Amino acid sequence: MSLTEQFEAAVAGSKTLPAKPDNDTLLKLYSLFKQAQEGDAPEKGDYGMFDFVAKAKHDAWAQLKGLGKEAAMQQYVDLVARLKG
């Protein structure tokens, strides 16, 4: 199975995890997904001053700047595998 197929399976599998992950893990899943799909985060996020969730998501994604698409995919696959137990 190719990495892209593994990633797509992990994305589908992330929706059926046995337990809801904590917020830090959810941010990690989000940021790895965005990095794998879109590359580096834009410098300025598209969120309002009091939209703390969107700011946290953008900040988590921005921390992955420079991480390659394939590396982000692999980390996402590995993280979902650990969460599934």
PDB file of N, CA and C in Angstrom:
ATOM      1  N   MET A   1       0.845  -1.173   0.000  1.00  0.00           N
ATOM      2  CA  MET A   1       0.000   0.000   0.000  1.00  0.00           C
ATOM      3  C   MET A   1       0.898   1.246   0.000  1.00  0.00           C
ATOM      4  N   SER A   2       0.609   2.194  -0.878  1.00  0.00           N
ATOM      5  CA  SER A   2       1.414   3.414  -0.958  1.00  0.00           C
ATOM      6  C   SER A   2       1.167   4.305   0.264  1.00  0.00           C
ATOM      7  N   LEU A   3       2.060   5.250   0.461  1.00  0.00           N
ATOM      8  CA  LEU A   3       1.919   6.167   1.583  1.00  0.00           C
ATOM      9  C   LEU A   3       0.629   6.975   1.462  1.00  0.00           C
ATOM     10  N   THR A   4       0.288   7.389   0.239  1.00  0.00           N
ATOM     11  CA  THR A   4      -0.950   8.150   0.032  1.00  0.00           C
ATOM     12  C   THR A   4      -2.161   7.309   0.421  1.00  0.00           C
ATOM     13  N   GLU A   5      -2.163   6.040   0.057  1.00  0.00           N
ATOM     14  CA  GLU A   5      -3.271   5.155   0.425  1.00  0.00           C
ATOM     15  C   GLU A   5      -3.321   4.945   1.941  1.00  0.00           C
ATOM     16  N   GLN A   6      -2.155   4.785   2.565  1.00  0.00           N
ATOM     17  CA  GLN A   6      -2.111   4.638   4.018  1.00  0.00           C
ATOM     18  C   GLN A   6      -2.641   5.893   4.698  1.00  0.00           C
ATOM     19  N   PHE A   7      -2.264   7.066   4.159  1.00  0.00           N
ATOM     20  CA  PHE A   7      -2.717   8.344   4.710  1.00  0.00           C
ATOM     21  C   PHE A   7      -4.235   8.458   4.596  1.00  0.00           C
ATOM     22  N   GLU A   8      -4.770   8.145   3.429  1.00  0.00           N
ATOM     23  CA  GLU A   8      -6.220   8.225   3.226  1.00  0.00           C
ATOM     24  C   GLU A   8      -6.958   7.268   4.160  1.00  0.00           C
ATOM     25  N   ALA A   9      -6.403   6.079   4.368  1.00  0.00           N
ATOM     26  CA  ALA A   9      -7.004   5.120   5.292  1.00  0.00           C
ATOM     27  C   ALA A   9      -6.931   5.645   6.731  1.00  0.00           C
ATOM     28  N   ALA A  10      -5.820   6.284   7.073  1.00  0.00           N
ATOM     29  CA  ALA A  10      -5.672   6.843   8.422  1.00  0.00           C
ATOM     30  C   ALA A  10      -6.647   7.996   8.641  1.00  0.00           C
ATOM     31  N   VAL A  11      -6.869   8.815   7.616  1.00  0.00           N
ATOM     32  CA  VAL A  11      -7.834   9.906   7.727  1.00  0.00           C
ATOM     33  C   VAL A  11      -9.219   9.328   7.997  1.00  0.00           C
ATOM     34  N   ALA A  12      -9.590   8.303   7.260  1.00  0.00           N
ATOM     35  CA  ALA A  12     -10.882   7.656   7.485  1.00  0.00           C
ATOM     36  C   ALA A  12     -10.922   7.022   8.871  1.00  0.00           C
ATOM     37  N   GLY A  13      -9.828   6.380   9.273  1.00  0.00           N
ATOM     38  CA  GLY A  13      -9.755   5.731  10.574  1.00  0.00           C
ATOM     39  C   GLY A  13      -9.781   6.704  11.738  1.00  0.00           C
ATOM     40  N   SER A  14      -9.325   7.932  11.501  1.00  0.00           N
ATOM     41  CA  SER A  14      -9.306   8.921  12.580  1.00  0.00           C
ATOM     42  C   SER A  14     -10.722   9.316  13.003  1.00  0.00           C
ATOM     43  N   LYS A  15     -11.672   9.059  12.153  1.00  0.00           N
ATOM     44  CA  LYS A  15     -13.066   9.397  12.466  1.00  0.00           C
ATOM     45  C   LYS A  15     -13.750   8.306  13.301  1.00  0.00           C
ATOM     46  N   THR A  16     -13.086   7.166  13.456  1.00  0.00           N
ATOM     47  CA  THR A  16     -13.678   6.048  14.201  1.00  0.00           C
ATOM     48  C   THR A  16     -12.753   5.564  15.314  1.00  0.00           C
ATOM     49  N   LEU A  17     -12.061   6.485  15.947  1.00  0.00           N
ATOM     50  CA  LEU A  17     -11.161   6.116  17.044  1.00  0.00           C
ATOM     51  C   LEU A  17     -11.975   5.609  18.229  1.00  0.00           C
ATOM     52  N   PRO A  18     -11.410   4.690  19.009  1.00  0.00           N
ATOM     53  CA  PRO A  18     -12.142   4.143  20.151  1.00  0.00           C
ATOM     54  C   PRO A  18     -12.482   5.181  21.222  1.00  0.00           C
ATOM     55  N   ALA A  19     -11.665   6.214  21.355  1.00  0.00           N
ATOM     56  CA  ALA A  19     -11.925   7.282  22.327  1.00  0.00           C
ATOM     57  C   ALA A  19     -11.512   8.603  21.706  1.00  0.00           C
ATOM     58  N   LYS A  20     -12.178   9.675  22.122  1.00  0.00           N
ATOM     59  CA  LYS A  20     -11.819  10.994  21.609  1.00  0.00           C
ATOM     60  C   LYS A  20     -10.470  11.404  22.182  1.00  0.00           C
ATOM     61  N   PRO A  21      -9.532  11.778  21.307  1.00  0.00           N
ATOM     62  CA  PRO A  21      -8.218  12.210  21.793  1.00  0.00           C
ATOM     63  C   PRO A  21      -8.300  13.532  22.556  1.00  0.00           C
ATOM     64  N   ASP A  22      -7.279  13.805  23.353  1.00  0.00           N
ATOM     65  CA  ASP A  22      -7.226  15.089  24.062  1.00  0.00           C
ATOM     66  C   ASP A  22      -6.974  16.216  23.063  1.00  0.00           C
ATOM     67  N   ASN A  23      -7.121  17.451  23.508  1.00  0.00           N
ATOM     68  CA  ASN A  23      -7.016  18.604  22.613  1.00  0.00           C
ATOM     69  C   ASN A  23      -5.650  18.719  21.942  1.00  0.00           C
ATOM     70  N   ASP A  24      -4.580  18.415  22.675  1.00  0.00           N
ATOM     71  CA  ASP A  24      -3.246  18.487  22.073  1.00  0.00           C
ATOM     72  C   ASP A  24      -3.096  17.495  20.934  1.00  0.00           C
ATOM     73  N   THR A  25      -3.639  16.307  21.113  1.00  0.00           N
ATOM     74  CA  THR A  25      -3.573  15.285  20.069  1.00  0.00           C
ATOM     75  C   THR A  25      -4.438  15.687  18.875  1.00  0.00           C
ATOM     76  N   LEU A  26      -5.601  16.253  19.146  1.00  0.00           N
ATOM     77  CA  LEU A  26      -6.453  16.732  18.057  1.00  0.00           C
ATOM     78  C   LEU A  26      -5.750  17.822  17.249  1.00  0.00           C
ATOM     79  N   LEU A  27      -5.054  18.721  17.934  1.00  0.00           N
ATOM     80  CA  LEU A  27      -4.294  19.760  17.234  1.00  0.00           C
ATOM     81  C   LEU A  27      -3.179  19.148  16.398  1.00  0.00           C
ATOM     82  N   LYS A  28      -2.530  18.120  16.918  1.00  0.00           N
ATOM     83  CA  LYS A  28      -1.458  17.448  16.172  1.00  0.00           C
ATOM     84  C   LYS A  28      -2.026  16.786  14.919  1.00  0.00           C
ATOM     85  N   LEU A  29      -3.168  16.110  15.058  1.00  0.00           N
ATOM     86  CA  LEU A  29      -3.810  15.498  13.889  1.00  0.00           C
ATOM     87  C   LEU A  29      -4.154  16.564  12.849  1.00  0.00           C
ATOM     88  N   TYR A  30      -4.755  17.649  13.301  1.00  0.00           N
ATOM     89  CA  TYR A  30      -5.142  18.735  12.403  1.00  0.00           C
ATOM     90  C   TYR A  30      -3.921  19.299  11.668  1.00  0.00           C
ATOM     91  N   SER A  31      -2.888  19.622  12.436  1.00  0.00           N
ATOM     92  CA  SER A  31      -1.726  20.270  11.830  1.00  0.00           C
ATOM     93  C   SER A  31      -0.996  19.340  10.860  1.00  0.00           C
ATOM     94  N   LEU A  32      -0.882  18.073  11.205  1.00  0.00           N
ATOM     95  CA  LEU A  32      -0.241  17.122  10.281  1.00  0.00           C
ATOM     96  C   LEU A  32      -1.074  16.959   9.015  1.00  0.00           C
ATOM     97  N   PHE A  33      -2.393  16.906   9.160  1.00  0.00           N
ATOM     98  CA  PHE A  33      -3.274  16.791   7.992  1.00  0.00           C
ATOM     99  C   PHE A  33      -3.095  18.007   7.077  1.00  0.00           C
ATOM    100  N   LYS A  34      -3.134  19.207   7.657  1.00  0.00           N
ATOM    101  CA  LYS A  34      -3.000  20.430   6.854  1.00  0.00           C
ATOM    102  C   LYS A  34      -1.628  20.494   6.183  1.00  0.00           C
ATOM    103  N   GLN A  35      -0.580  20.108   6.908  1.00  0.00           N
ATOM    104  CA  GLN A  35       0.764  20.138   6.334  1.00  0.00           C
ATOM    105  C   GLN A  35       0.866  19.154   5.177  1.00  0.00           C
ATOM    106  N   ALA A  36       0.270  17.980   5.329  1.00  0.00           N
ATOM    107  CA  ALA A  36       0.305  16.975   4.269  1.00  0.00           C
ATOM    108  C   ALA A  36      -0.499  17.421   3.046  1.00  0.00           C
ATOM    109  N   GLN A  37      -1.593  18.117   3.271  1.00  0.00           N
ATOM    110  CA  GLN A  37      -2.478  18.517   2.179  1.00  0.00           C
ATOM    111  C   GLN A  37      -2.067  19.832   1.520  1.00  0.00           C
ATOM    112  N   GLU A  38      -1.627  20.809   2.319  1.00  0.00           N
ATOM    113  CA  GLU A  38      -1.422  22.158   1.796  1.00  0.00           C
ATOM    114  C   GLU A  38      -0.004  22.692   1.932  1.00  0.00           C
ATOM    115  N   GLY A  39       0.846  22.001   2.674  1.00  0.00           N
ATOM    116  CA  GLY A  39       2.198  22.515   2.895  1.00  0.00           C
ATOM    117  C   GLY A  39       2.222  23.498   4.054  1.00  0.00           C
ATOM    118  N   ASP A  40       3.193  24.373   4.045  1.00  0.00           N
ATOM    119  CA  ASP A  40       3.379  25.318   5.156  1.00  0.00           C
ATOM    120  C   ASP A  40       2.173  26.240   5.332  1.00  0.00           C
ATOM    121  N   ALA A  41       1.898  26.565   6.587  1.00  0.00           N
ATOM    122  CA  ALA A  41       0.796  27.470   6.928  1.00  0.00           C
ATOM    123  C   ALA A  41       1.122  28.878   6.436  1.00  0.00           C
ATOM    124  N   PRO A  42       0.091  29.642   6.069  1.00  0.00           N
ATOM    125  CA  PRO A  42       0.345  31.041   5.709  1.00  0.00           C
ATOM    126  C   PRO A  42       0.823  31.822   6.937  1.00  0.00           C
ATOM    127  N   GLU A  43       1.547  32.891   6.693  1.00  0.00           N
ATOM    128  CA  GLU A  43       2.068  33.703   7.796  1.00  0.00           C
ATOM    129  C   GLU A  43       0.959  34.210   8.704  1.00  0.00           C
ATOM    130  N   LYS A  44      -0.122  34.679   8.127  1.00  0.00           N
ATOM    131  CA  LYS A  44      -1.239  35.237   8.891  1.00  0.00           C
ATOM    132  C   LYS A  44      -2.412  34.283   8.775  1.00  0.00           C
ATOM    133  N   GLY A  45      -2.921  33.839   9.909  1.00  0.00           N
ATOM    134  CA  GLY A  45      -4.090  32.976   9.917  1.00  0.00           C
ATOM    135  C   GLY A  45      -5.355  33.764   9.629  1.00  0.00           C
ATOM    136  N   ASP A  46      -6.386  33.084   9.189  1.00  0.00           N
ATOM    137  CA  ASP A  46      -7.663  33.723   8.866  1.00  0.00           C
ATOM    138  C   ASP A  46      -8.627  33.484  10.027  1.00  0.00           C
ATOM    139  N   TYR A  47      -8.466  34.290  11.081  1.00  0.00           N
ATOM    140  CA  TYR A  47      -9.310  34.138  12.259  1.00  0.00           C
ATOM    141  C   TYR A  47      -9.444  35.491  12.957  1.00  0.00           C
ATOM    142  N   GLY A  48     -10.508  35.627  13.717  1.00  0.00           N
ATOM    143  CA  GLY A  48     -10.747  36.856  14.462  1.00  0.00           C
ATOM    144  C   GLY A  48      -9.952  36.897  15.755  1.00  0.00           C
ATOM    145  N   MET A  49      -9.918  38.057  16.362  1.00  0.00           N
ATOM    146  CA  MET A  49      -9.125  38.270  17.564  1.00  0.00           C
ATOM    147  C   MET A  49      -9.551  37.354  18.716  1.00  0.00           C
ATOM    148  N   PHE A  50     -10.822  37.017  18.793  1.00  0.00           N
ATOM    149  CA  PHE A  50     -11.324  36.195  19.896  1.00  0.00           C
ATOM    150  C   PHE A  50     -11.618  34.760  19.483  1.00  0.00           C
ATOM    151  N   ASP A  51     -11.151  34.355  18.319  1.00  0.00           N
ATOM    152  CA  ASP A  51     -11.349  32.981  17.850  1.00  0.00           C
ATOM    153  C   ASP A  51     -10.128  32.160  18.270  1.00  0.00           C
ATOM    154  N   PHE A  52     -10.138  31.766  19.537  1.00  0.00           N
ATOM    155  CA  PHE A  52      -8.974  31.096  20.122  1.00  0.00           C
ATOM    156  C   PHE A  52      -8.725  29.709  19.543  1.00  0.00           C
ATOM    157  N   VAL A  53      -9.791  29.025  19.151  1.00  0.00           N
ATOM    158  CA  VAL A  53      -9.641  27.692  18.561  1.00  0.00           C
ATOM    159  C   VAL A  53      -8.920  27.806  17.218  1.00  0.00           C
ATOM    160  N   ALA A  54      -9.364  28.729  16.373  1.00  0.00           N
ATOM    161  CA  ALA A  54      -8.725  28.910  15.063  1.00  0.00           C
ATOM    162  C   ALA A  54      -7.264  29.340  15.225  1.00  0.00           C
ATOM    163  N   LYS A  55      -6.987  30.185  16.221  1.00  0.00           N
ATOM    164  CA  LYS A  55      -5.606  30.611  16.461  1.00  0.00           C
ATOM    165  C   LYS A  55      -4.750  29.423  16.893  1.00  0.00           C
ATOM    166  N   ALA A  56      -5.276  28.589  17.767  1.00  0.00           N
ATOM    167  CA  ALA A  56      -4.535  27.408  18.214  1.00  0.00           C
ATOM    168  C   ALA A  56      -4.258  26.466  17.044  1.00  0.00           C
ATOM    169  N   LYS A  57      -5.241  26.293  16.183  1.00  0.00           N
ATOM    170  CA  LYS A  57      -5.059  25.435  15.005  1.00  0.00           C
ATOM    171  C   LYS A  57      -3.975  26.000  14.089  1.00  0.00           C
ATOM    172  N   HIS A  58      -4.050  27.297  13.821  1.00  0.00           N
ATOM    173  CA  HIS A  58      -3.056  27.921  12.950  1.00  0.00           C
ATOM    174  C   HIS A  58      -1.660  27.822  13.552  1.00  0.00           C
ATOM    175  N   ASP A  59      -1.552  28.099  14.842  1.00  0.00           N
ATOM    176  CA  ASP A  59      -0.246  28.038  15.504  1.00  0.00           C
ATOM    177  C   ASP A  59       0.342  26.633  15.456  1.00  0.00           C
ATOM    178  N   ALA A  60      -0.505  25.621  15.674  1.00  0.00           N
ATOM    179  CA  ALA A  60      -0.037  24.235  15.625  1.00  0.00           C
ATOM    180  C   ALA A  60       0.459  23.882  14.228  1.00  0.00           C
ATOM    181  N   TRP A  61      -0.270  24.320  13.222  1.00  0.00           N
ATOM    182  CA  TRP A  61       0.118  24.069  11.829  1.00  0.00           C
ATOM    183  C   TRP A  61       1.415  24.810  11.507  1.00  0.00           C
ATOM    184  N   ALA A  62       1.519  26.065  11.929  1.00  0.00           N
ATOM    185  CA  ALA A  62       2.699  26.877  11.637  1.00  0.00           C
ATOM    186  C   ALA A  62       3.966  26.279  12.251  1.00  0.00           C
ATOM    187  N   GLN A  63       3.838  25.553  13.348  1.00  0.00           N
ATOM    188  CA  GLN A  63       5.002  24.923  13.985  1.00  0.00           C
ATOM    189  C   GLN A  63       5.613  23.826  13.114  1.00  0.00           C
ATOM    190  N   LEU A  64       4.871  23.365  12.126  1.00  0.00           N
ATOM    191  CA  LEU A  64       5.369  22.305  11.249  1.00  0.00           C
ATOM    192  C   LEU A  64       6.035  22.851   9.988  1.00  0.00           C
ATOM    193  N   LYS A  65       6.279  24.157   9.949  1.00  0.00           N
ATOM    194  CA  LYS A  65       6.874  24.784   8.777  1.00  0.00           C
ATOM    195  C   LYS A  65       8.136  24.045   8.356  1.00  0.00           C
ATOM    196  N   GLY A  66       8.209  23.716   7.081  1.00  0.00           N
ATOM    197  CA  GLY A  66       9.379  23.035   6.540  1.00  0.00           C
ATOM    198  C   GLY A  66       9.263  21.522   6.525  1.00  0.00           C
ATOM    199  N   LEU A  67       8.274  20.974   7.220  1.00  0.00           N
ATOM    200  CA  LEU A  67       8.078  19.521   7.214  1.00  0.00           C
ATOM    201  C   LEU A  67       7.517  19.116   5.857  1.00  0.00           C
ATOM    202  N   GLY A  68       8.127  18.162   5.221  1.00  0.00           N
ATOM    203  CA  GLY A  68       7.697  17.726   3.901  1.00  0.00           C
ATOM    204  C   GLY A  68       6.354  17.008   3.921  1.00  0.00           C
ATOM    205  N   LYS A  69       5.707  16.985   2.766  1.00  0.00           N
ATOM    206  CA  LYS A  69       4.390  16.364   2.633  1.00  0.00           C
ATOM    207  C   LYS A  69       4.423  14.891   3.051  1.00  0.00           C
ATOM    208  N   GLU A  70       5.418  14.161   2.550  1.00  0.00           N
ATOM    209  CA  GLU A  70       5.505  12.732   2.852  1.00  0.00           C
ATOM    210  C   GLU A  70       5.768  12.490   4.337  1.00  0.00           C
ATOM    211  N   ALA A  71       6.620  13.296   4.934  1.00  0.00           N
ATOM    212  CA  ALA A  71       6.917  13.154   6.362  1.00  0.00           C
ATOM    213  C   ALA A  71       5.669  13.439   7.191  1.00  0.00           C
ATOM    214  N   ALA A  72       4.895  14.464   6.805  1.00  0.00           N
ATOM    215  CA  ALA A  72       3.657  14.776   7.521  1.00  0.00           C
ATOM    216  C   ALA A  72       2.657  13.637   7.384  1.00  0.00           C
ATOM    217  N   MET A  73       2.570  13.076   6.186  1.00  0.00           N
ATOM    218  CA  MET A  73       1.664  11.939   5.973  1.00  0.00           C
ATOM    219  C   MET A  73       2.057  10.771   6.867  1.00  0.00           C
ATOM    220  N   GLN A  74       3.355  10.452   6.896  1.00  0.00           N
ATOM    221  CA  GLN A  74       3.824   9.318   7.688  1.00  0.00           C
ATOM    222  C   GLN A  74       3.575   9.540   9.174  1.00  0.00           C
ATOM    223  N   GLN A  75       3.831  10.748   9.665  1.00  0.00           N
ATOM    224  CA  GLN A  75       3.584  11.037  11.074  1.00  0.00           C
ATOM    225  C   GLN A  75       2.101  10.931  11.406  1.00  0.00           C
ATOM    226  N   TYR A  76       1.247  11.353  10.477  1.00  0.00           N
ATOM    227  CA  TYR A  76      -0.203  11.257  10.680  1.00  0.00           C
ATOM    228  C   TYR A  76      -0.619   9.786  10.757  1.00  0.00           C
ATOM    229  N   VAL A  77      -0.132   8.983   9.819  1.00  0.00           N
ATOM    230  CA  VAL A  77      -0.438   7.546   9.811  1.00  0.00           C
ATOM    231  C   VAL A  77       0.014   6.896  11.105  1.00  0.00           C
ATOM    232  N   ASP A  78       1.226   7.212  11.546  1.00  0.00           N
ATOM    233  CA  ASP A  78       1.766   6.638  12.780  1.00  0.00           C
ATOM    234  C   ASP A  78       0.954   7.056  13.996  1.00  0.00           C
ATOM    235  N   LEU A  79       0.545   8.319  14.052  1.00  0.00           N
ATOM    236  CA  LEU A  79      -0.226   8.816  15.183  1.00  0.00           C
ATOM    237  C   LEU A  79      -1.594   8.136  15.254  1.00  0.00           C
ATOM    238  N   VAL A  80      -2.265   8.020  14.125  1.00  0.00           N
ATOM    239  CA  VAL A  80      -3.574   7.353  14.121  1.00  0.00           C
ATOM    240  C   VAL A  80      -3.429   5.886  14.519  1.00  0.00           C
ATOM    241  N   ALA A  81      -2.377   5.234  14.063  1.00  0.00           N
ATOM    242  CA  ALA A  81      -2.142   3.831  14.429  1.00  0.00           C
ATOM    243  C   ALA A  81      -1.975   3.698  15.946  1.00  0.00           C
ATOM    244  N   ARG A  82      -1.235   4.623  16.559  1.00  0.00           N
ATOM    245  CA  ARG A  82      -1.052   4.588  18.017  1.00  0.00           C
ATOM    246  C   ARG A  82      -2.380   4.826  18.731  1.00  0.00           C
ATOM    247  N   LEU A  83      -3.187   5.746  18.219  1.00  0.00           N
ATOM    248  CA  LEU A  83      -4.460   6.053  18.850  1.00  0.00           C
ATOM    249  C   LEU A  83      -5.456   4.894  18.743  1.00  0.00           C
ATOM    250  N   LYS A  84      -5.347   4.135  17.668  1.00  0.00           N
ATOM    251  CA  LYS A  84      -6.241   2.980  17.495  1.00  0.00           C
ATOM    252  C   LYS A  84      -5.820   1.817  18.387  1.00  0.00           C
ATOM    253  N   GLY A  85      -4.561   1.867  18.849  1.00  0.00           N
ATOM    254  CA  GLY A  85      -4.076   0.852  19.777  1.00  0.00           C
ATOM    255  C   GLY A  85      -3.721  -0.364  19.076  1.00  0.00           C
TER     256      GLY A  85
END
